[in-house]
């Protein structure tokens, strides 16, 4: 009852589900009554899981984390690379640059121009 499951659209059955789907254990040991899951005394009744989290850190820089990774492609190294961070409540910094050439050291960029 203390787990988050992330299912890939193609992971409907084994062996694809074993390869594509991800499950992470979440903390907590409060009692859970599956007969009354909406009991207001149940600490898990109002559970909201945010898949994308964005914040400003102490240095006023923007950080984010995605539940899973940045790619839906299971062959990508970014398929589930952010899931351990999301599980621990940690973030990664957003790369900021005034000019596109300042981003030469990053893996890839998406430049949107009007």
PDB file of N, CA and C in Angstrom:
ATOM      1  N   UNK A   1       0.817  -1.182   0.000  1.00  0.00           N
ATOM      2  CA  UNK A   1       0.000   0.000   0.000  1.00  0.00           C
ATOM      3  C   UNK A   1       0.869   1.257   0.000  1.00  0.00           C
ATOM      4  N   UNK A   2       2.163   1.125   0.247  1.00  0.00           N
ATOM      5  CA  UNK A   2       3.044   2.283   0.314  1.00  0.00           C
ATOM      6  C   UNK A   2       4.006   2.243  -0.868  1.00  0.00           C
ATOM      7  N   UNK A   3       3.446   2.312  -2.056  1.00  0.00           N
ATOM      8  CA  UNK A   3       4.262   2.270  -3.260  1.00  0.00           C
ATOM      9  C   UNK A   3       3.620   3.146  -4.324  1.00  0.00           C
ATOM     10  N   UNK A   4       4.441   3.645  -5.219  1.00  0.00           N
ATOM     11  CA  UNK A   4       3.960   4.393  -6.378  1.00  0.00           C
ATOM     12  C   UNK A   4       4.313   3.572  -7.609  1.00  0.00           C
ATOM     13  N   UNK A   5       3.339   3.362  -8.474  1.00  0.00           N
ATOM     14  CA  UNK A   5       3.553   2.572  -9.683  1.00  0.00           C
ATOM     15  C   UNK A   5       3.483   3.497 -10.892  1.00  0.00           C
ATOM     16  N   UNK A   6       4.442   3.348 -11.776  1.00  0.00           N
ATOM     17  CA  UNK A   6       4.493   4.113 -13.022  1.00  0.00           C
ATOM     18  C   UNK A   6       4.452   3.112 -14.159  1.00  0.00           C
ATOM     19  N   UNK A   7       3.359   3.126 -14.872  1.00  0.00           N
ATOM     20  CA  UNK A   7       3.160   2.146 -15.943  1.00  0.00           C
ATOM     21  C   UNK A   7       3.361   2.793 -17.303  1.00  0.00           C
ATOM     22  N   UNK A   8       4.137   2.146 -18.121  1.00  0.00           N
ATOM     23  CA  UNK A   8       4.349   2.584 -19.502  1.00  0.00           C
ATOM     24  C   UNK A   8       3.155   2.119 -20.331  1.00  0.00           C
ATOM     25  N   UNK A   9       2.720   2.891 -21.321  1.00  0.00           N
ATOM     26  CA  UNK A   9       1.575   2.470 -22.142  1.00  0.00           C
ATOM     27  C   UNK A   9       1.749   1.108 -22.805  1.00  0.00           C
ATOM     28  N   UNK A  10       2.979   0.702 -23.080  1.00  0.00           N
ATOM     29  CA  UNK A  10       3.219  -0.602 -23.709  1.00  0.00           C
ATOM     30  C   UNK A  10       3.484  -1.717 -22.697  1.00  0.00           C
ATOM     31  N   UNK A  11       3.497  -1.385 -21.408  1.00  0.00           N
ATOM     32  CA  UNK A  11       3.840  -2.373 -20.398  1.00  0.00           C
ATOM     33  C   UNK A  11       2.641  -3.106 -19.840  1.00  0.00           C
ATOM     34  N   UNK A  12       1.695  -3.478 -20.674  1.00  0.00           N
ATOM     35  CA  UNK A  12       0.476  -4.108 -20.194  1.00  0.00           C
ATOM     36  C   UNK A  12       0.631  -5.529 -19.686  1.00  0.00           C
ATOM     37  N   UNK A  13       1.575  -6.272 -20.172  1.00  0.00           N
ATOM     38  CA  UNK A  13       1.729  -7.665 -19.749  1.00  0.00           C
ATOM     39  C   UNK A  13       3.208  -8.024 -19.710  1.00  0.00           C
ATOM     40  N   UNK A  14       3.480  -9.141 -19.017  1.00  0.00           N
ATOM     41  CA  UNK A  14       4.850  -9.616 -18.910  1.00  0.00           C
ATOM     42  C   UNK A  14       5.300 -10.126 -20.272  1.00  0.00           C
ATOM     43  N   UNK A  15       6.488  -9.928 -20.749  1.00  0.00           N
ATOM     44  CA  UNK A  15       7.664  -9.376 -20.081  1.00  0.00           C
ATOM     45  C   UNK A  15       7.801  -7.868 -20.244  1.00  0.00           C
ATOM     46  N   UNK A  16       6.938  -7.237 -21.065  1.00  0.00           N
ATOM     47  CA  UNK A  16       7.075  -5.796 -21.253  1.00  0.00           C
ATOM     48  C   UNK A  16       6.837  -5.021 -19.960  1.00  0.00           C
ATOM     49  N   UNK A  17       5.878  -5.450 -19.151  1.00  0.00           N
ATOM     50  CA  UNK A  17       5.613  -4.767 -17.894  1.00  0.00           C
ATOM     51  C   UNK A  17       6.843  -4.838 -16.987  1.00  0.00           C
ATOM     52  N   UNK A  18       7.516  -5.970 -16.946  1.00  0.00           N
ATOM     53  CA  UNK A  18       8.717  -6.129 -16.125  1.00  0.00           C
ATOM     54  C   UNK A  18       9.814  -5.165 -16.571  1.00  0.00           C
ATOM     55  N   UNK A  19       9.913  -4.958 -17.893  1.00  0.00           N
ATOM     56  CA  UNK A  19      10.972  -4.131 -18.452  1.00  0.00           C
ATOM     57  C   UNK A  19      10.617  -2.646 -18.409  1.00  0.00           C
ATOM     58  N   UNK A  20       9.360  -2.278 -18.666  1.00  0.00           N
ATOM     59  CA  UNK A  20       8.985  -0.885 -18.855  1.00  0.00           C
ATOM     60  C   UNK A  20       8.409  -0.209 -17.608  1.00  0.00           C
ATOM     61  N   UNK A  21       7.670  -0.942 -16.802  1.00  0.00           N
ATOM     62  CA  UNK A  21       7.005  -0.343 -15.649  1.00  0.00           C
ATOM     63  C   UNK A  21       7.976  -0.174 -14.497  1.00  0.00           C
ATOM     64  N   UNK A  22       7.713   0.815 -13.674  1.00  0.00           N
ATOM     65  CA  UNK A  22       8.553   1.077 -12.509  1.00  0.00           C
ATOM     66  C   UNK A  22       7.672   1.169 -11.266  1.00  0.00           C
ATOM     67  N   UNK A  23       8.145   0.625 -10.151  1.00  0.00           N
ATOM     68  CA  UNK A  23       7.470   0.734  -8.863  1.00  0.00           C
ATOM     69  C   UNK A  23       8.511   1.154  -7.834  1.00  0.00           C
ATOM     70  N   UNK A  24       8.161   2.146  -7.031  1.00  0.00           N
ATOM     71  CA  UNK A  24       9.068   2.591  -5.973  1.00  0.00           C
ATOM     72  C   UNK A  24       8.342   2.511  -4.642  1.00  0.00           C
ATOM     73  N   UNK A  25       9.068   2.127  -3.638  1.00  0.00           N
ATOM     74  CA  UNK A  25       8.517   2.062  -2.290  1.00  0.00           C
ATOM     75  C   UNK A  25       8.550   3.463  -1.686  1.00  0.00           C
ATOM     76  N   UNK A  26       7.476   3.806  -1.010  1.00  0.00           N
ATOM     77  CA  UNK A  26       7.383   5.089  -0.330  1.00  0.00           C
ATOM     78  C   UNK A  26       7.397   4.845   1.167  1.00  0.00           C
ATOM     79  N   UNK A  27       7.839   5.834   1.914  1.00  0.00           N
ATOM     80  CA  UNK A  27       7.941   5.682   3.355  1.00  0.00           C
ATOM     81  C   UNK A  27       6.581   5.669   4.027  1.00  0.00           C
ATOM     82  N   UNK A  28       6.598   5.356   5.289  1.00  0.00           N
ATOM     83  CA  UNK A  28       5.380   5.385   6.091  1.00  0.00           C
ATOM     84  C   UNK A  28       5.014   4.008   6.591  1.00  0.00           C
ATOM     85  N   UNK A  29       4.477   3.979   7.813  1.00  0.00           N
ATOM     86  CA  UNK A  29       4.036   2.711   8.370  1.00  0.00           C
ATOM     87  C   UNK A  29       2.680   2.859   9.051  1.00  0.00           C
ATOM     88  N   UNK A  30       1.913   3.898   8.659  1.00  0.00           N
ATOM     89  CA  UNK A  30       0.590   4.097   9.248  1.00  0.00           C
ATOM     90  C   UNK A  30      -0.332   2.978   8.805  1.00  0.00           C
ATOM     91  N   UNK A  31      -1.290   2.606   9.637  1.00  0.00           N
ATOM     92  CA  UNK A  31      -2.218   1.539   9.255  1.00  0.00           C
ATOM     93  C   UNK A  31      -3.101   1.978   8.094  1.00  0.00           C
ATOM     94  N   UNK A  32      -3.415   1.058   7.237  1.00  0.00           N
ATOM     95  CA  UNK A  32      -4.271   1.330   6.081  1.00  0.00           C
ATOM     96  C   UNK A  32      -5.345   0.260   6.034  1.00  0.00           C
ATOM     97  N   UNK A  33      -6.590   0.690   5.973  1.00  0.00           N
ATOM     98  CA  UNK A  33      -7.710  -0.244   5.897  1.00  0.00           C
ATOM     99  C   UNK A  33      -8.253  -0.231   4.473  1.00  0.00           C
ATOM    100  N   UNK A  34      -7.961  -1.258   3.665  1.00  0.00           N
ATOM    101  CA  UNK A  34      -8.425  -1.266   2.274  1.00  0.00           C
ATOM    102  C   UNK A  34      -9.938  -1.332   2.153  1.00  0.00           C
ATOM    103  N   UNK A  35     -10.646  -1.718   3.218  1.00  0.00           N
ATOM    104  CA  UNK A  35     -12.109  -1.754   3.177  1.00  0.00           C
ATOM    105  C   UNK A  35     -12.669  -0.332   3.188  1.00  0.00           C
ATOM    106  N   UNK A  36     -11.965   0.592   3.847  1.00  0.00           N
ATOM    107  CA  UNK A  36     -12.406   1.986   3.937  1.00  0.00           C
ATOM    108  C   UNK A  36     -11.276   2.925   3.486  1.00  0.00           C
ATOM    109  N   UNK A  37     -10.927   2.916   2.195  1.00  0.00           N
ATOM    110  CA  UNK A  37      -9.790   3.726   1.753  1.00  0.00           C
ATOM    111  C   UNK A  37     -10.044   5.219   1.835  1.00  0.00           C
ATOM    112  N   UNK A  38     -11.327   5.649   1.903  1.00  0.00           N
ATOM    113  CA  UNK A  38     -11.619   7.078   1.943  1.00  0.00           C
ATOM    114  C   UNK A  38     -11.912   7.589   3.352  1.00  0.00           C
ATOM    115  N   UNK A  39     -11.577   6.812   4.360  1.00  0.00           N
ATOM    116  CA  UNK A  39     -11.779   7.201   5.752  1.00  0.00           C
ATOM    117  C   UNK A  39     -10.962   8.462   6.037  1.00  0.00           C
ATOM    118  N   UNK A  40     -11.594   9.544   6.557  1.00  0.00           N
ATOM    119  CA  UNK A  40     -10.837  10.781   6.803  1.00  0.00           C
ATOM    120  C   UNK A  40      -9.739  10.623   7.845  1.00  0.00           C
ATOM    121  N   UNK A  41      -9.806   9.582   8.662  1.00  0.00           N
ATOM    122  CA  UNK A  41      -8.731   9.339   9.623  1.00  0.00           C
ATOM    123  C   UNK A  41      -7.563   8.586   9.005  1.00  0.00           C
ATOM    124  N   UNK A  42      -7.762   8.115   7.788  1.00  0.00           N
ATOM    125  CA  UNK A  42      -6.703   7.415   7.075  1.00  0.00           C
ATOM    126  C   UNK A  42      -5.736   8.454   6.507  1.00  0.00           C
ATOM    127  N   UNK A  43      -4.464   8.434   6.889  1.00  0.00           N
ATOM    128  CA  UNK A  43      -3.539   9.467   6.406  1.00  0.00           C
ATOM    129  C   UNK A  43      -3.274   9.389   4.910  1.00  0.00           C
ATOM    130  N   UNK A  44      -3.652   8.300   4.246  1.00  0.00           N
ATOM    131  CA  UNK A  44      -3.384   8.169   2.821  1.00  0.00           C
ATOM    132  C   UNK A  44      -4.594   8.511   1.964  1.00  0.00           C
ATOM    133  N   UNK A  45      -5.741   8.847   2.583  1.00  0.00           N
ATOM    134  CA  UNK A  45      -6.940   9.161   1.813  1.00  0.00           C
ATOM    135  C   UNK A  45      -6.749  10.375   0.914  1.00  0.00           C
ATOM    136  N   UNK A  46      -6.189  11.479   1.406  1.00  0.00           N
ATOM    137  CA  UNK A  46      -6.057  12.654   0.545  1.00  0.00           C
ATOM    138  C   UNK A  46      -4.727  12.709  -0.208  1.00  0.00           C
ATOM    139  N   UNK A  47      -4.133  11.574  -0.456  1.00  0.00           N
ATOM    140  CA  UNK A  47      -2.815  11.527  -1.078  1.00  0.00           C
ATOM    141  C   UNK A  47      -2.830  12.133  -2.474  1.00  0.00           C
ATOM    142  N   UNK A  48      -1.946  13.067  -2.702  1.00  0.00           N
ATOM    143  CA  UNK A  48      -1.777  13.679  -4.014  1.00  0.00           C
ATOM    144  C   UNK A  48      -0.340  13.443  -4.425  1.00  0.00           C
ATOM    145  N   UNK A  49      -0.157  12.818  -5.552  1.00  0.00           N
ATOM    146  CA  UNK A  49       1.181  12.556  -6.055  1.00  0.00           C
ATOM    147  C   UNK A  49       1.441  13.514  -7.200  1.00  0.00           C
ATOM    148  N   UNK A  50       2.416  14.365  -7.034  1.00  0.00           N
ATOM    149  CA  UNK A  50       2.780  15.324  -8.068  1.00  0.00           C
ATOM    150  C   UNK A  50       3.876  14.715  -8.925  1.00  0.00           C
ATOM    151  N   UNK A  51       3.605  14.572 -10.223  1.00  0.00           N
ATOM    152  CA  UNK A  51       4.575  13.950 -11.111  1.00  0.00           C
ATOM    153  C   UNK A  51       5.691  14.911 -11.519  1.00  0.00           C
ATOM    154  N   UNK A  52       5.379  16.203 -11.575  1.00  0.00           N
ATOM    155  CA  UNK A  52       6.382  17.220 -11.890  1.00  0.00           C
ATOM    156  C   UNK A  52       6.423  18.192 -10.726  1.00  0.00           C
ATOM    157  N   UNK A  53       7.604  18.409 -10.197  1.00  0.00           N
ATOM    158  CA  UNK A  53       7.765  19.347  -9.097  1.00  0.00           C
ATOM    159  C   UNK A  53       8.817  20.374  -9.477  1.00  0.00           C
ATOM    160  N   UNK A  54       8.486  21.650  -9.265  1.00  0.00           N
ATOM    161  CA  UNK A  54       9.387  22.753  -9.573  1.00  0.00           C
ATOM    162  C   UNK A  54       9.476  23.635  -8.338  1.00  0.00           C
ATOM    163  N   UNK A  55      10.669  24.127  -8.040  1.00  0.00           N
ATOM    164  CA  UNK A  55      10.836  25.019  -6.896  1.00  0.00           C
ATOM    165  C   UNK A  55      12.029  25.926  -7.135  1.00  0.00           C
ATOM    166  N   UNK A  56      12.163  26.928  -6.277  1.00  0.00           N
ATOM    167  CA  UNK A  56      13.364  27.766  -6.226  1.00  0.00           C
ATOM    168  C   UNK A  56      14.139  27.377  -4.976  1.00  0.00           C
ATOM    169  N   UNK A  57      15.436  27.161  -5.140  1.00  0.00           N
ATOM    170  CA  UNK A  57      16.246  26.756  -3.988  1.00  0.00           C
ATOM    171  C   UNK A  57      16.704  27.987  -3.200  1.00  0.00           C
ATOM    172  N   UNK A  58      17.559  27.786  -2.227  1.00  0.00           N
ATOM    173  CA  UNK A  58      18.026  28.882  -1.372  1.00  0.00           C
ATOM    174  C   UNK A  58      18.803  29.934  -2.157  1.00  0.00           C
ATOM    175  N   UNK A  59      19.417  29.544  -3.269  1.00  0.00           N
ATOM    176  CA  UNK A  59      20.162  30.489  -4.120  1.00  0.00           C
ATOM    177  C   UNK A  59      19.261  31.143  -5.162  1.00  0.00           C
ATOM    178  N   UNK A  60      17.947  30.939  -5.065  1.00  0.00           N
ATOM    179  CA  UNK A  60      16.942  31.489  -5.983  1.00  0.00           C
ATOM    180  C   UNK A  60      17.082  30.928  -7.402  1.00  0.00           C
ATOM    181  N   UNK A  61      17.641  29.735  -7.519  1.00  0.00           N
ATOM    182  CA  UNK A  61      17.743  29.064  -8.813  1.00  0.00           C
ATOM    183  C   UNK A  61      16.607  28.072  -8.930  1.00  0.00           C
ATOM    184  N   UNK A  62      16.132  27.856 -10.139  1.00  0.00           N
ATOM    185  CA  UNK A  62      15.015  26.955 -10.378  1.00  0.00           C
ATOM    186  C   UNK A  62      15.523  25.522 -10.434  1.00  0.00           C
ATOM    187  N   UNK A  63      14.809  24.630  -9.742  1.00  0.00           N
ATOM    188  CA  UNK A  63      15.100  23.195  -9.757  1.00  0.00           C
ATOM    189  C   UNK A  63      13.814  22.450 -10.091  1.00  0.00           C
ATOM    190  N   UNK A  64      13.967  21.245 -10.614  1.00  0.00           N
ATOM    191  CA  UNK A  64      12.799  20.440 -10.939  1.00  0.00           C
ATOM    192  C   UNK A  64      13.114  18.968 -10.762  1.00  0.00           C
ATOM    193  N   UNK A  65      12.064  18.176 -10.756  1.00  0.00           N
ATOM    194  CA  UNK A  65      12.212  16.725 -10.789  1.00  0.00           C
ATOM    195  C   UNK A  65      10.948  16.153 -11.415  1.00  0.00           C
ATOM    196  N   UNK A  66      11.110  15.145 -12.217  1.00  0.00           N
ATOM    197  CA  UNK A  66      10.005  14.429 -12.836  1.00  0.00           C
ATOM    198  C   UNK A  66       9.941  13.036 -12.246  1.00  0.00           C
ATOM    199  N   UNK A  67       8.742  12.556 -12.020  1.00  0.00           N
ATOM    200  CA  UNK A  67       8.593  11.170 -11.572  1.00  0.00           C
ATOM    201  C   UNK A  67       8.894  10.288 -12.769  1.00  0.00           C
ATOM    202  N   UNK A  68      10.006   9.650 -12.753  1.00  0.00           N
ATOM    203  CA  UNK A  68      10.449   8.845 -13.888  1.00  0.00           C
ATOM    204  C   UNK A  68      11.676   9.482 -14.476  1.00  0.00           C
ATOM    205  N   UNK A  69      11.554   9.950 -15.673  1.00  0.00           N
ATOM    206  CA  UNK A  69      12.666  10.598 -16.349  1.00  0.00           C
ATOM    207  C   UNK A  69      12.133  11.526 -17.410  1.00  0.00           C
ATOM    208  N   UNK A  70      13.034  12.057 -18.206  1.00  0.00           N
ATOM    209  CA  UNK A  70      12.639  13.015 -19.224  1.00  0.00           C
ATOM    210  C   UNK A  70      12.231  12.348 -20.532  1.00  0.00           C
ATOM    211  N   UNK A  71      12.329  11.050 -20.624  1.00  0.00           N
ATOM    212  CA  UNK A  71      12.052  10.363 -21.874  1.00  0.00           C
ATOM    213  C   UNK A  71      11.081   9.211 -21.654  1.00  0.00           C
ATOM    214  N   UNK A  72      10.189   9.022 -22.588  1.00  0.00           N
ATOM    215  CA  UNK A  72       9.309   7.861 -22.568  1.00  0.00           C
ATOM    216  C   UNK A  72       9.890   6.689 -23.341  1.00  0.00           C
ATOM    217  N   UNK A  73      11.087   6.873 -23.879  1.00  0.00           N
ATOM    218  CA  UNK A  73      11.761   5.839 -24.653  1.00  0.00           C
ATOM    219  C   UNK A  73      12.590   4.965 -23.703  1.00  0.00           C
ATOM    220  N   UNK A  74      12.238   3.678 -23.563  1.00  0.00           N
ATOM    221  CA  UNK A  74      12.972   2.830 -22.626  1.00  0.00           C
ATOM    222  C   UNK A  74      14.428   2.596 -23.000  1.00  0.00           C
ATOM    223  N   UNK A  75      14.833   2.924 -24.216  1.00  0.00           N
ATOM    224  CA  UNK A  75      16.233   2.779 -24.616  1.00  0.00           C
ATOM    225  C   UNK A  75      17.059   4.022 -24.258  1.00  0.00           C
ATOM    226  N   UNK A  76      16.391   5.091 -23.838  1.00  0.00           N
ATOM    227  CA  UNK A  76      17.081   6.329 -23.488  1.00  0.00           C
ATOM    228  C   UNK A  76      17.670   6.215 -22.082  1.00  0.00           C
ATOM    229  N   UNK A  77      18.839   6.806 -21.860  1.00  0.00           N
ATOM    230  CA  UNK A  77      19.378   6.820 -20.500  1.00  0.00           C
ATOM    231  C   UNK A  77      18.543   7.682 -19.556  1.00  0.00           C
ATOM    232  N   UNK A  78      17.620   8.466 -20.105  1.00  0.00           N
ATOM    233  CA  UNK A  78      16.778   9.344 -19.291  1.00  0.00           C
ATOM    234  C   UNK A  78      15.376   8.785 -19.104  1.00  0.00           C
ATOM    235  N   UNK A  79      15.194   7.485 -19.351  1.00  0.00           N
ATOM    236  CA  UNK A  79      13.869   6.868 -19.217  1.00  0.00           C
ATOM    237  C   UNK A  79      13.377   6.886 -17.768  1.00  0.00           C
ATOM    238  N   UNK A  80      14.203   6.513 -16.834  1.00  0.00           N
ATOM    239  CA  UNK A  80      13.797   6.479 -15.419  1.00  0.00           C
ATOM    240  C   UNK A  80      14.885   7.050 -14.519  1.00  0.00           C
ATOM    241  N   UNK A  81      15.736   7.911 -15.068  1.00  0.00           N
ATOM    242  CA  UNK A  81      16.883   8.375 -14.296  1.00  0.00           C
ATOM    243  C   UNK A  81      16.515   9.329 -13.165  1.00  0.00           C
ATOM    244  N   UNK A  82      15.369  10.004 -13.227  1.00  0.00           N
ATOM    245  CA  UNK A  82      14.989  10.933 -12.165  1.00  0.00           C
ATOM    246  C   UNK A  82      14.112  10.289 -11.093  1.00  0.00           C
ATOM    247  N   UNK A  83      13.713   9.055 -11.295  1.00  0.00           N
ATOM    248  CA  UNK A  83      12.832   8.393 -10.336  1.00  0.00           C
ATOM    249  C   UNK A  83      13.458   8.265  -8.945  1.00  0.00           C
ATOM    250  N   UNK A  84      14.719   7.890  -8.805  1.00  0.00           N
ATOM    251  CA  UNK A  84      15.294   7.831  -7.455  1.00  0.00           C
ATOM    252  C   UNK A  84      15.311   9.203  -6.763  1.00  0.00           C
ATOM    253  N   UNK A  85      15.567  10.267  -7.522  1.00  0.00           N
ATOM    254  CA  UNK A  85      15.553  11.606  -6.934  1.00  0.00           C
ATOM    255  C   UNK A  85      14.141  11.985  -6.494  1.00  0.00           C
ATOM    256  N   UNK A  86      13.142  11.715  -7.350  1.00  0.00           N
ATOM    257  CA  UNK A  86      11.746  12.028  -7.026  1.00  0.00           C
ATOM    258  C   UNK A  86      11.319  11.289  -5.766  1.00  0.00           C
ATOM    259  N   UNK A  87      11.740  10.043  -5.641  1.00  0.00           N
ATOM    260  CA  UNK A  87      11.380   9.230  -4.478  1.00  0.00           C
ATOM    261  C   UNK A  87      11.954   9.826  -3.194  1.00  0.00           C
ATOM    262  N   UNK A  88      13.169  10.372  -3.267  1.00  0.00           N
ATOM    263  CA  UNK A  88      13.816  10.955  -2.084  1.00  0.00           C
ATOM    264  C   UNK A  88      13.461  12.427  -1.872  1.00  0.00           C
ATOM    265  N   UNK A  89      12.680  13.024  -2.798  1.00  0.00           N
ATOM    266  CA  UNK A  89      12.326  14.434  -2.671  1.00  0.00           C
ATOM    267  C   UNK A  89      13.454  15.373  -3.041  1.00  0.00           C
ATOM    268  N   UNK A  90      14.349  14.924  -3.922  1.00  0.00           N
ATOM    269  CA  UNK A  90      15.468  15.749  -4.349  1.00  0.00           C
ATOM    270  C   UNK A  90      15.177  16.325  -5.740  1.00  0.00           C
ATOM    271  N   UNK A  91      15.942  17.321  -6.122  1.00  0.00           N
ATOM    272  CA  UNK A  91      15.718  18.038  -7.367  1.00  0.00           C
ATOM    273  C   UNK A  91      17.006  18.136  -8.172  1.00  0.00           C
ATOM    274  N   UNK A  92      16.891  18.523  -9.436  1.00  0.00           N
ATOM    275  CA  UNK A  92      18.039  18.828 -10.285  1.00  0.00           C
ATOM    276  C   UNK A  92      17.889  20.277 -10.751  1.00  0.00           C
ATOM    277  N   UNK A  93      19.010  20.992 -10.941  1.00  0.00           N
ATOM    278  CA  UNK A  93      18.911  22.389 -11.354  1.00  0.00           C
ATOM    279  C   UNK A  93      18.525  22.506 -12.826  1.00  0.00           C
ATOM    280  N   UNK A  94      17.789  23.558 -13.115  1.00  0.00           N
ATOM    281  CA  UNK A  94      17.468  23.888 -14.503  1.00  0.00           C
ATOM    282  C   UNK A  94      18.636  24.699 -15.039  1.00  0.00           C
ATOM    283  N   UNK A  95      19.143  24.297 -16.186  1.00  0.00           N
ATOM    284  CA  UNK A  95      20.270  25.000 -16.787  1.00  0.00           C
ATOM    285  C   UNK A  95      19.777  26.324 -17.345  1.00  0.00           C
ATOM    286  N   UNK A  96      20.354  27.411 -16.870  1.00  0.00           N
ATOM    287  CA  UNK A  96      19.970  28.737 -17.333  1.00  0.00           C
ATOM    288  C   UNK A  96      21.120  29.334 -18.139  1.00  0.00           C
ATOM    289  N   UNK A  97      20.773  30.041 -19.202  1.00  0.00           N
ATOM    290  CA  UNK A  97      21.795  30.690 -20.011  1.00  0.00           C
ATOM    291  C   UNK A  97      21.191  31.908 -20.693  1.00  0.00           C
ATOM    292  N   UNK A  98      22.000  32.943 -20.789  1.00  0.00           N
ATOM    293  CA  UNK A  98      21.546  34.152 -21.475  1.00  0.00           C
ATOM    294  C   UNK A  98      21.645  33.982 -22.986  1.00  0.00           C
ATOM    295  N   UNK A  99      22.596  33.163 -23.439  1.00  0.00           N
ATOM    296  CA  UNK A  99      22.805  32.957 -24.875  1.00  0.00           C
ATOM    297  C   UNK A  99      22.860  31.456 -25.166  1.00  0.00           C
ATOM    298  N   UNK A 100      22.386  31.033 -26.343  1.00  0.00           N
ATOM    299  CA  UNK A 100      22.424  29.602 -26.682  1.00  0.00           C
ATOM    300  C   UNK A 100      23.822  29.001 -26.628  1.00  0.00           C
ATOM    301  N   UNK A 101      24.860  29.749 -26.969  1.00  0.00           N
ATOM    302  CA  UNK A 101      26.220  29.198 -26.951  1.00  0.00           C
ATOM    303  C   UNK A 101      26.710  28.914 -25.532  1.00  0.00           C
ATOM    304  N   UNK A 102      26.020  29.462 -24.516  1.00  0.00           N
ATOM    305  CA  UNK A 102      26.383  29.153 -23.131  1.00  0.00           C
ATOM    306  C   UNK A 102      25.996  27.729 -22.756  1.00  0.00           C
ATOM    307  N   UNK A 103      25.217  27.073 -23.577  1.00  0.00           N
ATOM    308  CA  UNK A 103      24.740  25.725 -23.284  1.00  0.00           C
ATOM    309  C   UNK A 103      25.524  24.646 -24.036  1.00  0.00           C
ATOM    310  N   UNK A 104      26.720  24.974 -24.493  1.00  0.00           N
ATOM    311  CA  UNK A 104      27.498  24.020 -25.280  1.00  0.00           C
ATOM    312  C   UNK A 104      27.872  22.762 -24.513  1.00  0.00           C
ATOM    313  N   UNK A 105      27.965  22.829 -23.196  1.00  0.00           N
ATOM    314  CA  UNK A 105      28.396  21.675 -22.424  1.00  0.00           C
ATOM    315  C   UNK A 105      27.248  20.759 -22.005  1.00  0.00           C
ATOM    316  N   UNK A 106      26.023  21.065 -22.377  1.00  0.00           N
ATOM    317  CA  UNK A 106      24.902  20.206 -22.013  1.00  0.00           C
ATOM    318  C   UNK A 106      24.660  19.170 -23.097  1.00  0.00           C
ATOM    319  N   UNK A 107      23.942  18.133 -22.739  1.00  0.00           N
ATOM    320  CA  UNK A 107      23.713  17.016 -23.658  1.00  0.00           C
ATOM    321  C   UNK A 107      22.879  17.413 -24.872  1.00  0.00           C
ATOM    322  N   UNK A 108      21.877  18.229 -24.662  1.00  0.00           N
ATOM    323  CA  UNK A 108      21.017  18.636 -25.769  1.00  0.00           C
ATOM    324  C   UNK A 108      20.202  19.851 -25.364  1.00  0.00           C
ATOM    325  N   UNK A 109      19.740  20.586 -26.340  1.00  0.00           N
ATOM    326  CA  UNK A 109      18.934  21.765 -26.056  1.00  0.00           C
ATOM    327  C   UNK A 109      17.731  21.792 -26.979  1.00  0.00           C
ATOM    328  N   UNK A 110      16.695  22.444 -26.507  1.00  0.00           N
ATOM    329  CA  UNK A 110      15.509  22.713 -27.306  1.00  0.00           C
ATOM    330  C   UNK A 110      15.341  24.221 -27.259  1.00  0.00           C
ATOM    331  N   UNK A 111      15.572  24.884 -28.368  1.00  0.00           N
ATOM    332  CA  UNK A 111      15.493  26.327 -28.425  1.00  0.00           C
ATOM    333  C   UNK A 111      14.183  26.710 -29.094  1.00  0.00           C
ATOM    334  N   UNK A 112      13.326  27.393 -28.366  1.00  0.00           N
ATOM    335  CA  UNK A 112      12.041  27.840 -28.879  1.00  0.00           C
ATOM    336  C   UNK A 112      12.140  29.314 -29.199  1.00  0.00           C
ATOM    337  N   UNK A 113      11.887  29.657 -30.446  1.00  0.00           N
ATOM    338  CA  UNK A 113      11.927  31.059 -30.852  1.00  0.00           C
ATOM    339  C   UNK A 113      10.557  31.449 -31.405  1.00  0.00           C
ATOM    340  N   UNK A 114      10.153  32.692 -31.156  1.00  0.00           N
ATOM    341  CA  UNK A 114       8.829  33.124 -31.654  1.00  0.00           C
ATOM    342  C   UNK A 114       8.813  33.291 -33.168  1.00  0.00           C
TER     343      UNK A 114
END
